[in-house]
PDB file of all heavy atoms in Angstrom:
ATOM      1  N   VAL A   1      -9.786   0.777  96.027  1.00  0.00           N
ATOM      2  CA  VAL A   1      -9.777   1.572  97.336  1.00  0.00           C
ATOM      3  C   VAL A   1     -10.563   2.756  97.230  1.00  0.00           C
ATOM      4  O   VAL A   1     -11.366   3.149  98.085  1.00  0.00           O
ATOM      5  CB  VAL A   1      -8.242   1.777  97.605  1.00  0.00           C
ATOM      6  CG1 VAL A   1      -8.163   2.773  98.769  1.00  0.00           C
ATOM      7  CG2 VAL A   1      -7.486   0.535  97.951  1.00  0.00           C
ATOM      8  N   TYR A   2     -10.382   3.517  96.126  1.00  0.00           N
ATOM      9  CA  TYR A   2     -10.980   4.820  95.938  1.00  0.00           C
ATOM     10  C   TYR A   2     -12.533   4.689  95.950  1.00  0.00           C
ATOM     11  O   TYR A   2     -13.126   5.465  96.649  1.00  0.00           O
ATOM     12  CB  TYR A   2     -10.552   5.394  94.621  1.00  0.00           C
ATOM     13  CG  TYR A   2     -10.688   6.866  94.459  1.00  0.00           C
ATOM     14  CD1 TYR A   2      -9.805   7.793  94.997  1.00  0.00           C
ATOM     15  CD2 TYR A   2     -11.880   7.476  93.828  1.00  0.00           C
ATOM     16  CE1 TYR A   2      -9.959   9.122  94.886  1.00  0.00           C
ATOM     17  CE2 TYR A   2     -12.047   8.888  93.756  1.00  0.00           C
ATOM     18  CZ  TYR A   2     -11.130   9.658  94.313  1.00  0.00           C
ATOM     19  OH  TYR A   2     -11.221  10.987  94.153  1.00  0.00           O
ATOM     20  N   VAL A   3     -13.082   3.723  95.150  1.00  0.00           N
ATOM     21  CA  VAL A   3     -14.572   3.694  95.013  1.00  0.00           C
ATOM     22  C   VAL A   3     -15.063   3.026  96.378  1.00  0.00           C
ATOM     23  O   VAL A   3     -16.139   3.416  96.818  1.00  0.00           O
ATOM     24  CB  VAL A   3     -14.935   2.791  93.834  1.00  0.00           C
ATOM     25  CG1 VAL A   3     -16.465   2.593  93.774  1.00  0.00           C
ATOM     26  CG2 VAL A   3     -14.365   3.491  92.488  1.00  0.00           C
ATOM     27  N   THR A   4     -14.465   2.024  96.846  1.00  0.00           N
ATOM     28  CA  THR A   4     -14.935   1.395  98.035  1.00  0.00           C
ATOM     29  C   THR A   4     -15.019   2.326  99.172  1.00  0.00           C
ATOM     30  O   THR A   4     -16.095   2.245  99.916  1.00  0.00           O
ATOM     31  CB  THR A   4     -13.974   0.205  98.424  1.00  0.00           C
ATOM     32  OG1 THR A   4     -13.857  -0.635  97.339  1.00  0.00           O
ATOM     33  CG2 THR A   4     -14.570  -0.620  99.656  1.00  0.00           C
ATOM     34  N   PHE A   5     -14.158   3.260  99.439  1.00  0.00           N
ATOM     35  CA  PHE A   5     -14.147   4.126 100.643  1.00  0.00           C
ATOM     36  C   PHE A   5     -14.726   5.498 100.322  1.00  0.00           C
ATOM     37  O   PHE A   5     -15.143   6.213 101.099  1.00  0.00           O
ATOM     38  CB  PHE A   5     -12.714   4.180 101.279  1.00  0.00           C
ATOM     39  CG  PHE A   5     -12.260   2.936 101.818  1.00  0.00           C
ATOM     40  CD1 PHE A   5     -11.260   2.101 101.199  1.00  0.00           C
ATOM     41  CD2 PHE A   5     -12.810   2.364 102.879  1.00  0.00           C
ATOM     42  CE1 PHE A   5     -10.854   0.919 101.609  1.00  0.00           C
ATOM     43  CE2 PHE A   5     -12.315   1.129 103.457  1.00  0.00           C
ATOM     44  CZ  PHE A   5     -11.475   0.404 102.792  1.00  0.00           C
ATOM     45  N   GLY A   6     -14.533   5.962  98.948  1.00  0.00           N
ATOM     46  CA  GLY A   6     -15.053   7.272  98.689  1.00  0.00           C
ATOM     47  C   GLY A   6     -16.421   7.440  98.055  1.00  0.00           C
ATOM     48  O   GLY A   6     -17.043   8.401  98.322  1.00  0.00           O
ATOM     49  N   GLY A   7     -16.850   6.436  97.393  1.00  0.00           N
ATOM     50  CA  GLY A   7     -18.167   6.391  96.745  1.00  0.00           C
ATOM     51  C   GLY A   7     -18.507   7.465  95.753  1.00  0.00           C
ATOM     52  O   GLY A   7     -17.512   7.998  95.164  1.00  0.00           O
ATOM     53  N   MET A   8     -19.652   7.943  95.604  1.00  0.00           N
ATOM     54  CA  MET A   8     -20.072   8.818  94.579  1.00  0.00           C
ATOM     55  C   MET A   8     -19.428  10.228  94.849  1.00  0.00           C
ATOM     56  O   MET A   8     -19.072  10.945  93.897  1.00  0.00           O
ATOM     57  CB  MET A   8     -21.642   8.866  94.508  1.00  0.00           C
ATOM     58  CG  MET A   8     -22.075   9.747  93.395  1.00  0.00           C
ATOM     59  SD  MET A   8     -21.486   9.151  91.734  1.00  0.00           S
ATOM     60  CE  MET A   8     -22.817   9.494  90.709  1.00  0.00           C
ATOM     61  N   THR A   9     -19.352  10.668  96.025  1.00  0.00           N
ATOM     62  CA  THR A   9     -18.765  11.969  96.478  1.00  0.00           C
ATOM     63  C   THR A   9     -17.476  12.097  95.917  1.00  0.00           C
ATOM     64  O   THR A   9     -17.118  13.075  95.260  1.00  0.00           O
ATOM     65  CB  THR A   9     -18.852  12.225  97.899  1.00  0.00           C
ATOM     66  OG1 THR A   9     -20.224  11.963  98.332  1.00  0.00           O
ATOM     67  CG2 THR A   9     -18.541  13.645  98.291  1.00  0.00           C
ATOM     68  N   ALA A  10     -16.563  11.109  96.279  1.00  0.00           N
ATOM     69  CA  ALA A  10     -15.204  11.175  95.852  1.00  0.00           C
ATOM     70  C   ALA A  10     -15.006  11.115  94.387  1.00  0.00           C
ATOM     71  O   ALA A  10     -14.216  11.799  93.777  1.00  0.00           O
ATOM     72  CB  ALA A  10     -14.384  10.032  96.548  1.00  0.00           C
ATOM     73  N   THR A  11     -15.890  10.280  93.687  1.00  0.00           N
ATOM     74  CA  THR A  11     -15.746  10.041  92.247  1.00  0.00           C
ATOM     75  C   THR A  11     -16.226  11.354  91.595  1.00  0.00           C
ATOM     76  O   THR A  11     -15.530  11.798  90.567  1.00  0.00           O
ATOM     77  CB  THR A  11     -16.777   8.911  91.820  1.00  0.00           C
ATOM     78  OG1 THR A  11     -16.402   7.782  92.617  1.00  0.00           O
ATOM     79  CG2 THR A  11     -16.565   8.665  90.450  1.00  0.00           C
ATOM     80  N   THR A  12     -17.275  12.143  92.139  1.00  0.00           N
ATOM     81  CA  THR A  12     -17.681  13.303  91.511  1.00  0.00           C
ATOM     82  C   THR A  12     -16.627  14.398  91.666  1.00  0.00           C
ATOM     83  O   THR A  12     -16.322  15.144  90.743  1.00  0.00           O
ATOM     84  CB  THR A  12     -18.961  13.773  92.103  1.00  0.00           C
ATOM     85  OG1 THR A  12     -19.910  12.736  91.990  1.00  0.00           O
ATOM     86  CG2 THR A  12     -19.541  15.067  91.480  1.00  0.00           C
ATOM     87  N   TRP A  13     -16.041  14.486  92.884  1.00  0.00           N
ATOM     88  CA  TRP A  13     -14.973  15.520  93.067  1.00  0.00           C
ATOM     89  C   TRP A  13     -13.734  15.280  92.188  1.00  0.00           C
ATOM     90  O   TRP A  13     -13.180  16.227  91.612  1.00  0.00           O
ATOM     91  CB  TRP A  13     -14.608  15.652  94.549  1.00  0.00           C
ATOM     92  CG  TRP A  13     -15.502  16.617  95.208  1.00  0.00           C
ATOM     93  CD1 TRP A  13     -16.489  16.296  96.177  1.00  0.00           C
ATOM     94  CD2 TRP A  13     -15.532  18.040  95.034  1.00  0.00           C
ATOM     95  NE1 TRP A  13     -17.210  17.498  96.573  1.00  0.00           N
ATOM     96  CE2 TRP A  13     -16.609  18.547  95.934  1.00  0.00           C
ATOM     97  CE3 TRP A  13     -14.806  18.917  94.347  1.00  0.00           C
ATOM     98  CZ2 TRP A  13     -16.907  19.904  95.936  1.00  0.00           C
ATOM     99  CZ3 TRP A  13     -15.175  20.290  94.424  1.00  0.00           C
ATOM    100  CH2 TRP A  13     -16.172  20.759  95.117  1.00  0.00           C
ATOM    101  N   VAL A  14     -13.380  14.137  92.094  1.00  0.00           N
ATOM    102  CA  VAL A  14     -12.150  13.836  91.147  1.00  0.00           C
ATOM    103  C   VAL A  14     -12.453  14.240  89.814  1.00  0.00           C
ATOM    104  O   VAL A  14     -11.581  14.691  88.986  1.00  0.00           O
ATOM    105  CB  VAL A  14     -11.564  12.415  91.377  1.00  0.00           C
ATOM    106  CG1 VAL A  14     -12.426  11.348  90.664  1.00  0.00           C
ATOM    107  CG2 VAL A  14     -10.108  12.308  90.862  1.00  0.00           C
ATOM    108  N   GLN A  15     -13.808  14.022  89.378  1.00  0.00           N
ATOM    109  CA  GLN A  15     -14.147  14.309  88.017  1.00  0.00           C
ATOM    110  C   GLN A  15     -13.989  15.885  87.857  1.00  0.00           C
ATOM    111  O   GLN A  15     -13.513  16.350  86.757  1.00  0.00           O
ATOM    112  CB  GLN A  15     -15.591  13.942  87.746  1.00  0.00           C
ATOM    113  CG  GLN A  15     -15.684  12.421  87.630  1.00  0.00           C
ATOM    114  CD  GLN A  15     -15.456  11.860  86.277  1.00  0.00           C
ATOM    115  OE1 GLN A  15     -14.990  12.600  85.380  1.00  0.00           O
ATOM    116  NE2 GLN A  15     -15.799  10.662  85.926  1.00  0.00           N
ATOM    117  N   ILE A  16     -14.563  16.633  88.775  1.00  0.00           N
ATOM    118  CA  ILE A  16     -14.566  18.083  88.685  1.00  0.00           C
ATOM    119  C   ILE A  16     -13.162  18.669  88.558  1.00  0.00           C
ATOM    120  O   ILE A  16     -12.846  19.487  87.703  1.00  0.00           O
ATOM    121  CB  ILE A  16     -15.279  18.675  89.861  1.00  0.00           C
ATOM    122  CG1 ILE A  16     -16.788  18.394  89.816  1.00  0.00           C
ATOM    123  CG2 ILE A  16     -15.114  20.278  89.897  1.00  0.00           C
ATOM    124  CD1 ILE A  16     -17.530  18.643  91.193  1.00  0.00           C
ATOM    125  N   ILE A  17     -12.199  18.114  89.482  1.00  0.00           N
ATOM    126  CA  ILE A  17     -10.909  18.696  89.580  1.00  0.00           C
ATOM    127  C   ILE A  17     -10.209  18.289  88.327  1.00  0.00           C
ATOM    128  O   ILE A  17      -9.447  19.208  87.788  1.00  0.00           O
ATOM    129  CB  ILE A  17     -10.177  18.075  90.809  1.00  0.00           C
ATOM    130  CG1 ILE A  17     -10.861  18.733  92.100  1.00  0.00           C
ATOM    131  CG2 ILE A  17      -8.617  18.417  90.880  1.00  0.00           C
ATOM    132  CD1 ILE A  17     -10.563  17.953  93.413  1.00  0.00           C
ATOM    133  N   LYS A  18     -10.270  17.037  87.922  1.00  0.00           N
ATOM    134  CA  LYS A  18      -9.613  16.610  86.684  1.00  0.00           C
ATOM    135  C   LYS A  18     -10.043  17.404  85.420  1.00  0.00           C
ATOM    136  O   LYS A  18      -9.143  17.620  84.513  1.00  0.00           O
ATOM    137  CB  LYS A  18      -9.493  15.074  86.490  1.00  0.00           C
ATOM    138  CG  LYS A  18     -10.851  14.485  86.051  1.00  0.00           C
ATOM    139  CD  LYS A  18     -11.014  14.269  84.595  1.00  0.00           C
ATOM    140  CE  LYS A  18     -12.428  13.804  84.319  1.00  0.00           C
ATOM    141  NZ  LYS A  18     -12.746  13.775  82.902  1.00  0.00           N
ATOM    142  N   ALA A  19     -11.249  17.617  85.341  1.00  0.00           N
ATOM    143  CA  ALA A  19     -11.902  18.424  84.153  1.00  0.00           C
ATOM    144  C   ALA A  19     -11.286  19.726  84.119  1.00  0.00           C
ATOM    145  O   ALA A  19     -10.761  20.192  82.967  1.00  0.00           O
ATOM    146  CB  ALA A  19     -13.356  18.431  84.301  1.00  0.00           C
ATOM    147  N   CYS A  20     -11.153  20.442  85.224  1.00  0.00           N
ATOM    148  CA  CYS A  20     -10.502  21.742  85.194  1.00  0.00           C
ATOM    149  C   CYS A  20      -9.036  21.740  84.827  1.00  0.00           C
ATOM    150  O   CYS A  20      -8.575  22.499  83.948  1.00  0.00           O
ATOM    151  CB  CYS A  20     -10.665  22.453  86.619  1.00  0.00           C
ATOM    152  SG  CYS A  20     -12.314  22.725  87.045  1.00  0.00           S
ATOM    153  N   LEU A  21      -8.298  20.685  85.449  1.00  0.00           N
ATOM    154  CA  LEU A  21      -7.011  20.561  85.161  1.00  0.00           C
ATOM    155  C   LEU A  21      -6.613  20.082  83.726  1.00  0.00           C
ATOM    156  O   LEU A  21      -5.681  20.634  83.003  1.00  0.00           O
ATOM    157  CB  LEU A  21      -6.298  19.651  86.112  1.00  0.00           C
ATOM    158  CG  LEU A  21      -6.141  19.999  87.550  1.00  0.00           C
ATOM    159  CD1 LEU A  21      -5.778  18.732  88.313  1.00  0.00           C
ATOM    160  CD2 LEU A  21      -5.216  21.228  87.773  1.00  0.00           C
ATOM    161  N   LEU A  22      -7.542  19.290  83.203  1.00  0.00           N
ATOM    162  CA  LEU A  22      -7.332  18.764  81.840  1.00  0.00           C
ATOM    163  C   LEU A  22      -7.637  19.871  80.753  1.00  0.00           C
ATOM    164  O   LEU A  22      -6.877  20.003  79.874  1.00  0.00           O
ATOM    165  CB  LEU A  22      -8.327  17.674  81.520  1.00  0.00           C
ATOM    166  CG  LEU A  22      -8.167  16.804  80.277  1.00  0.00           C
ATOM    167  CD1 LEU A  22      -6.864  16.123  80.352  1.00  0.00           C
ATOM    168  CD2 LEU A  22      -9.327  15.883  80.226  1.00  0.00           C
ATOM    169  N   LEU A  23      -8.607  20.625  80.969  1.00  0.00           N
ATOM    170  CA  LEU A  23      -8.906  21.748  80.158  1.00  0.00           C
ATOM    171  C   LEU A  23      -7.802  22.834  80.116  1.00  0.00           C
ATOM    172  O   LEU A  23      -7.342  23.283  79.139  1.00  0.00           O
ATOM    173  CB  LEU A  23     -10.210  22.367  80.446  1.00  0.00           C
ATOM    174  CG  LEU A  23     -11.493  21.867  79.843  1.00  0.00           C
ATOM    175  CD1 LEU A  23     -12.693  22.450  80.437  1.00  0.00           C
ATOM    176  CD2 LEU A  23     -11.545  22.032  78.231  1.00  0.00           C
ATOM    177  N   GLY A  24      -7.412  23.186  81.409  1.00  0.00           N
ATOM    178  CA  GLY A  24      -6.379  24.159  81.605  1.00  0.00           C
ATOM    179  C   GLY A  24      -5.109  23.711  80.948  1.00  0.00           C
ATOM    180  O   GLY A  24      -4.364  24.423  80.266  1.00  0.00           O
ATOM    181  N   GLY A  25      -4.650  22.359  81.255  1.00  0.00           N
ATOM    182  CA  GLY A  25      -3.391  21.902  80.711  1.00  0.00           C
ATOM    183  C   GLY A  25      -3.414  21.786  79.303  1.00  0.00           C
ATOM    184  O   GLY A  25      -2.397  22.078  78.650  1.00  0.00           O
ATOM    185  N   GLY A  26      -4.481  21.332  78.698  1.00  0.00           N
ATOM    186  CA  GLY A  26      -4.674  21.131  77.297  1.00  0.00           C
ATOM    187  C   GLY A  26      -4.559  22.570  76.571  1.00  0.00           C
ATOM    188  O   GLY A  26      -3.854  22.664  75.506  1.00  0.00           O
ATOM    189  N   ILE A  27      -5.183  23.497  77.120  1.00  0.00           N
ATOM    190  CA  ILE A  27      -5.098  24.878  76.550  1.00  0.00           C
ATOM    191  C   ILE A  27      -3.687  25.498  76.536  1.00  0.00           C
ATOM    192  O   ILE A  27      -3.245  26.091  75.653  1.00  0.00           O
ATOM    193  CB  ILE A  27      -6.236  25.905  77.131  1.00  0.00           C
ATOM    194  CG1 ILE A  27      -7.512  25.325  76.688  1.00  0.00           C
ATOM    195  CG2 ILE A  27      -5.853  27.257  76.735  1.00  0.00           C
ATOM    196  CD1 ILE A  27      -8.702  25.952  77.433  1.00  0.00           C
ATOM    197  N   VAL A  28      -2.962  25.285  77.628  1.00  0.00           N
ATOM    198  CA  VAL A  28      -1.567  25.804  77.857  1.00  0.00           C
ATOM    199  C   VAL A  28      -0.699  25.062  76.815  1.00  0.00           C
ATOM    200  O   VAL A  28       0.078  25.735  76.253  1.00  0.00           O
ATOM    201  CB  VAL A  28      -1.068  25.506  79.258  1.00  0.00           C
ATOM    202  CG1 VAL A  28       0.475  25.683  79.421  1.00  0.00           C
ATOM    203  CG2 VAL A  28      -1.756  26.380  80.271  1.00  0.00           C
ATOM    204  N   LEU A  29      -0.958  23.742  76.701  1.00  0.00           N
ATOM    205  CA  LEU A  29      -0.221  23.065  75.740  1.00  0.00           C
ATOM    206  C   LEU A  29      -0.470  23.454  74.248  1.00  0.00           C
ATOM    207  O   LEU A  29       0.514  23.616  73.428  1.00  0.00           O
ATOM    208  CB  LEU A  29      -0.468  21.493  75.796  1.00  0.00           C
ATOM    209  CG  LEU A  29       0.322  20.526  74.828  1.00  0.00           C
ATOM    210  CD1 LEU A  29       1.809  20.680  75.042  1.00  0.00           C
ATOM    211  CD2 LEU A  29      -0.149  19.059  75.169  1.00  0.00           C
ATOM    212  N   LEU A  30      -1.753  23.861  74.032  1.00  0.00           N
ATOM    213  CA  LEU A  30      -2.181  24.425  72.735  1.00  0.00           C
ATOM    214  C   LEU A  30      -1.299  25.676  72.400  1.00  0.00           C
ATOM    215  O   LEU A  30      -0.608  25.919  71.303  1.00  0.00           O
ATOM    216  CB  LEU A  30      -3.559  24.800  72.730  1.00  0.00           C
ATOM    217  CG  LEU A  30      -4.051  25.575  71.609  1.00  0.00           C
ATOM    218  CD1 LEU A  30      -4.368  24.815  70.297  1.00  0.00           C
ATOM    219  CD2 LEU A  30      -5.397  26.407  71.952  1.00  0.00           C
ATOM    220  N   PHE A  31      -1.250  26.623  73.460  1.00  0.00           N
ATOM    221  CA  PHE A  31      -0.499  27.824  73.237  1.00  0.00           C
ATOM    222  C   PHE A  31       1.065  27.619  73.090  1.00  0.00           C
ATOM    223  O   PHE A  31       1.647  28.276  72.237  1.00  0.00           O
ATOM    224  CB  PHE A  31      -0.759  28.792  74.428  1.00  0.00           C
ATOM    225  CG  PHE A  31      -2.117  29.393  74.481  1.00  0.00           C
ATOM    226  CD1 PHE A  31      -2.858  29.474  75.625  1.00  0.00           C
ATOM    227  CD2 PHE A  31      -2.695  29.834  73.303  1.00  0.00           C
ATOM    228  CE1 PHE A  31      -4.141  30.130  75.620  1.00  0.00           C
ATOM    229  CE2 PHE A  31      -4.035  30.371  73.284  1.00  0.00           C
ATOM    230  CZ  PHE A  31      -4.705  30.514  74.464  1.00  0.00           C
ATOM    231  N   LEU A  32       1.538  26.780  73.889  1.00  0.00           N
ATOM    232  CA  LEU A  32       2.976  26.375  73.748  1.00  0.00           C
ATOM    233  C   LEU A  32       3.357  25.870  72.405  1.00  0.00           C
ATOM    234  O   LEU A  32       4.354  26.127  71.818  1.00  0.00           O
ATOM    235  CB  LEU A  32       3.446  25.349  74.836  1.00  0.00           C
ATOM    236  CG  LEU A  32       3.378  25.972  76.270  1.00  0.00           C
ATOM    237  CD1 LEU A  32       3.660  24.682  77.260  1.00  0.00           C
ATOM    238  CD2 LEU A  32       4.598  26.986  76.459  1.00  0.00           C
ATOM    239  N   THR A  33       2.402  24.993  71.845  1.00  0.00           N
ATOM    240  CA  THR A  33       2.614  24.480  70.525  1.00  0.00           C
ATOM    241  C   THR A  33       2.553  25.459  69.449  1.00  0.00           C
ATOM    242  O   THR A  33       3.440  25.609  68.663  1.00  0.00           O
ATOM    243  CB  THR A  33       1.527  23.234  70.224  1.00  0.00           C
ATOM    244  OG1 THR A  33       1.636  22.307  71.323  1.00  0.00           O
ATOM    245  CG2 THR A  33       1.732  22.594  68.842  1.00  0.00           C
ATOM    246  N   LEU A  34       1.482  26.347  69.563  1.00  0.00           N
ATOM    247  CA  LEU A  34       1.263  27.473  68.514  1.00  0.00           C
ATOM    248  C   LEU A  34       2.502  28.404  68.535  1.00  0.00           C
ATOM    249  O   LEU A  34       2.848  28.861  67.518  1.00  0.00           O
ATOM    250  CB  LEU A  34      -0.033  28.156  68.701  1.00  0.00           C
ATOM    251  CG  LEU A  34      -1.265  27.445  68.220  1.00  0.00           C
ATOM    252  CD1 LEU A  34      -2.529  28.257  68.562  1.00  0.00           C
ATOM    253  CD2 LEU A  34      -1.229  27.237  66.713  1.00  0.00           C
ATOM    254  N   SER A  35       3.040  28.560  69.690  1.00  0.00           N
ATOM    255  CA  SER A  35       4.213  29.483  69.815  1.00  0.00           C
ATOM    256  C   SER A  35       5.481  29.026  69.072  1.00  0.00           C
ATOM    257  O   SER A  35       6.220  29.809  68.676  1.00  0.00           O
ATOM    258  CB  SER A  35       4.593  29.773  71.344  1.00  0.00           C
ATOM    259  OG  SER A  35       5.210  28.562  71.814  1.00  0.00           O
ATOM    260  N   GLN A  36       5.440  27.762  68.827  1.00  0.00           N
ATOM    261  CA  GLN A  36       6.629  27.147  68.043  1.00  0.00           C
ATOM    262  C   GLN A  36       6.481  27.528  66.553  1.00  0.00           C
ATOM    263  O   GLN A  36       7.445  27.267  65.782  1.00  0.00           O
ATOM    264  CB  GLN A  36       6.633  25.606  68.215  1.00  0.00           C
ATOM    265  CG  GLN A  36       6.766  25.103  69.626  1.00  0.00           C
ATOM    266  CD  GLN A  36       8.147  25.274  70.245  1.00  0.00           C
ATOM    267  OE1 GLN A  36       9.154  25.040  69.621  1.00  0.00           O
ATOM    268  NE2 GLN A  36       8.192  25.793  71.404  1.00  0.00           N
ATOM    269  N   PHE A  37       5.304  27.873  66.117  1.00  0.00           N
ATOM    270  CA  PHE A  37       4.960  28.090  64.713  1.00  0.00           C
ATOM    271  C   PHE A  37       4.597  29.536  64.426  1.00  0.00           C
ATOM    272  O   PHE A  37       3.867  29.874  63.550  1.00  0.00           O
ATOM    273  CB  PHE A  37       3.965  27.125  64.173  1.00  0.00           C
ATOM    274  CG  PHE A  37       4.346  25.711  64.330  1.00  0.00           C
ATOM    275  CD1 PHE A  37       4.084  25.051  65.543  1.00  0.00           C
ATOM    276  CD2 PHE A  37       5.051  24.987  63.444  1.00  0.00           C
ATOM    277  CE1 PHE A  37       4.430  23.667  65.641  1.00  0.00           C
ATOM    278  CE2 PHE A  37       5.503  23.757  63.544  1.00  0.00           C
ATOM    279  CZ  PHE A  37       5.166  23.031  64.684  1.00  0.00           C
ATOM    280  N   GLY A  38       5.022  30.389  65.271  1.00  0.00           N
ATOM    281  CA  GLY A  38       4.715  31.896  65.076  1.00  0.00           C
ATOM    282  C   GLY A  38       3.175  32.199  65.237  1.00  0.00           C
ATOM    283  O   GLY A  38       2.739  33.070  64.613  1.00  0.00           O
ATOM    284  N   TRP A  39       2.463  31.368  66.100  1.00  0.00           N
ATOM    285  CA  TRP A  39       1.112  31.475  66.303  1.00  0.00           C
ATOM    286  C   TRP A  39       0.218  31.406  65.027  1.00  0.00           C
ATOM    287  O   TRP A  39      -0.836  31.897  64.947  1.00  0.00           O
ATOM    288  CB  TRP A  39       0.774  32.819  67.036  1.00  0.00           C
ATOM    289  CG  TRP A  39       1.633  33.098  68.231  1.00  0.00           C
ATOM    290  CD1 TRP A  39       2.789  33.681  68.397  1.00  0.00           C
ATOM    291  CD2 TRP A  39       1.293  32.420  69.566  1.00  0.00           C
ATOM    292  NE1 TRP A  39       3.238  33.534  69.693  1.00  0.00           N
ATOM    293  CE2 TRP A  39       2.341  32.881  70.428  1.00  0.00           C
ATOM    294  CE3 TRP A  39       0.247  31.634  70.034  1.00  0.00           C
ATOM    295  CZ2 TRP A  39       2.308  32.462  71.803  1.00  0.00           C
ATOM    296  CZ3 TRP A  39       0.204  31.289  71.374  1.00  0.00           C
ATOM    297  CH2 TRP A  39       1.280  31.674  72.229  1.00  0.00           C
ATOM    298  N   SER A  40       0.822  30.728  64.014  1.00  0.00           N
ATOM    299  CA  SER A  40       0.103  30.620  62.825  1.00  0.00           C
ATOM    300  C   SER A  40      -0.454  29.191  62.616  1.00  0.00           C
ATOM    301  O   SER A  40       0.388  28.244  62.471  1.00  0.00           O
ATOM    302  CB  SER A  40       1.024  30.917  61.644  1.00  0.00           C
ATOM    303  OG  SER A  40       0.483  30.534  60.371  1.00  0.00           O
ATOM    304  N   LEU A  41      -1.638  28.876  62.429  1.00  0.00           N
ATOM    305  CA  LEU A  41      -2.170  27.552  62.174  1.00  0.00           C
ATOM    306  C   LEU A  41      -1.883  27.136  60.901  1.00  0.00           C
ATOM    307  O   LEU A  41      -1.596  25.885  60.579  1.00  0.00           O
ATOM    308  CB  LEU A  41      -3.822  27.612  62.256  1.00  0.00           C
ATOM    309  CG  LEU A  41      -4.432  27.675  63.734  1.00  0.00           C
ATOM    310  CD1 LEU A  41      -5.911  27.902  63.579  1.00  0.00           C
ATOM    311  CD2 LEU A  41      -4.242  26.423  64.452  1.00  0.00           C
TER     312      LEU A  41
END
């Protein structure tokens, strides 16, 4: 449904949005994980 009706424009925008959310979410998870170990790798 997504590709048939949205085409390249929709596919590109979902890529942009998910990249920002993925990077942001991953970095927040990184900080939350490190906080469990006194910020020590």
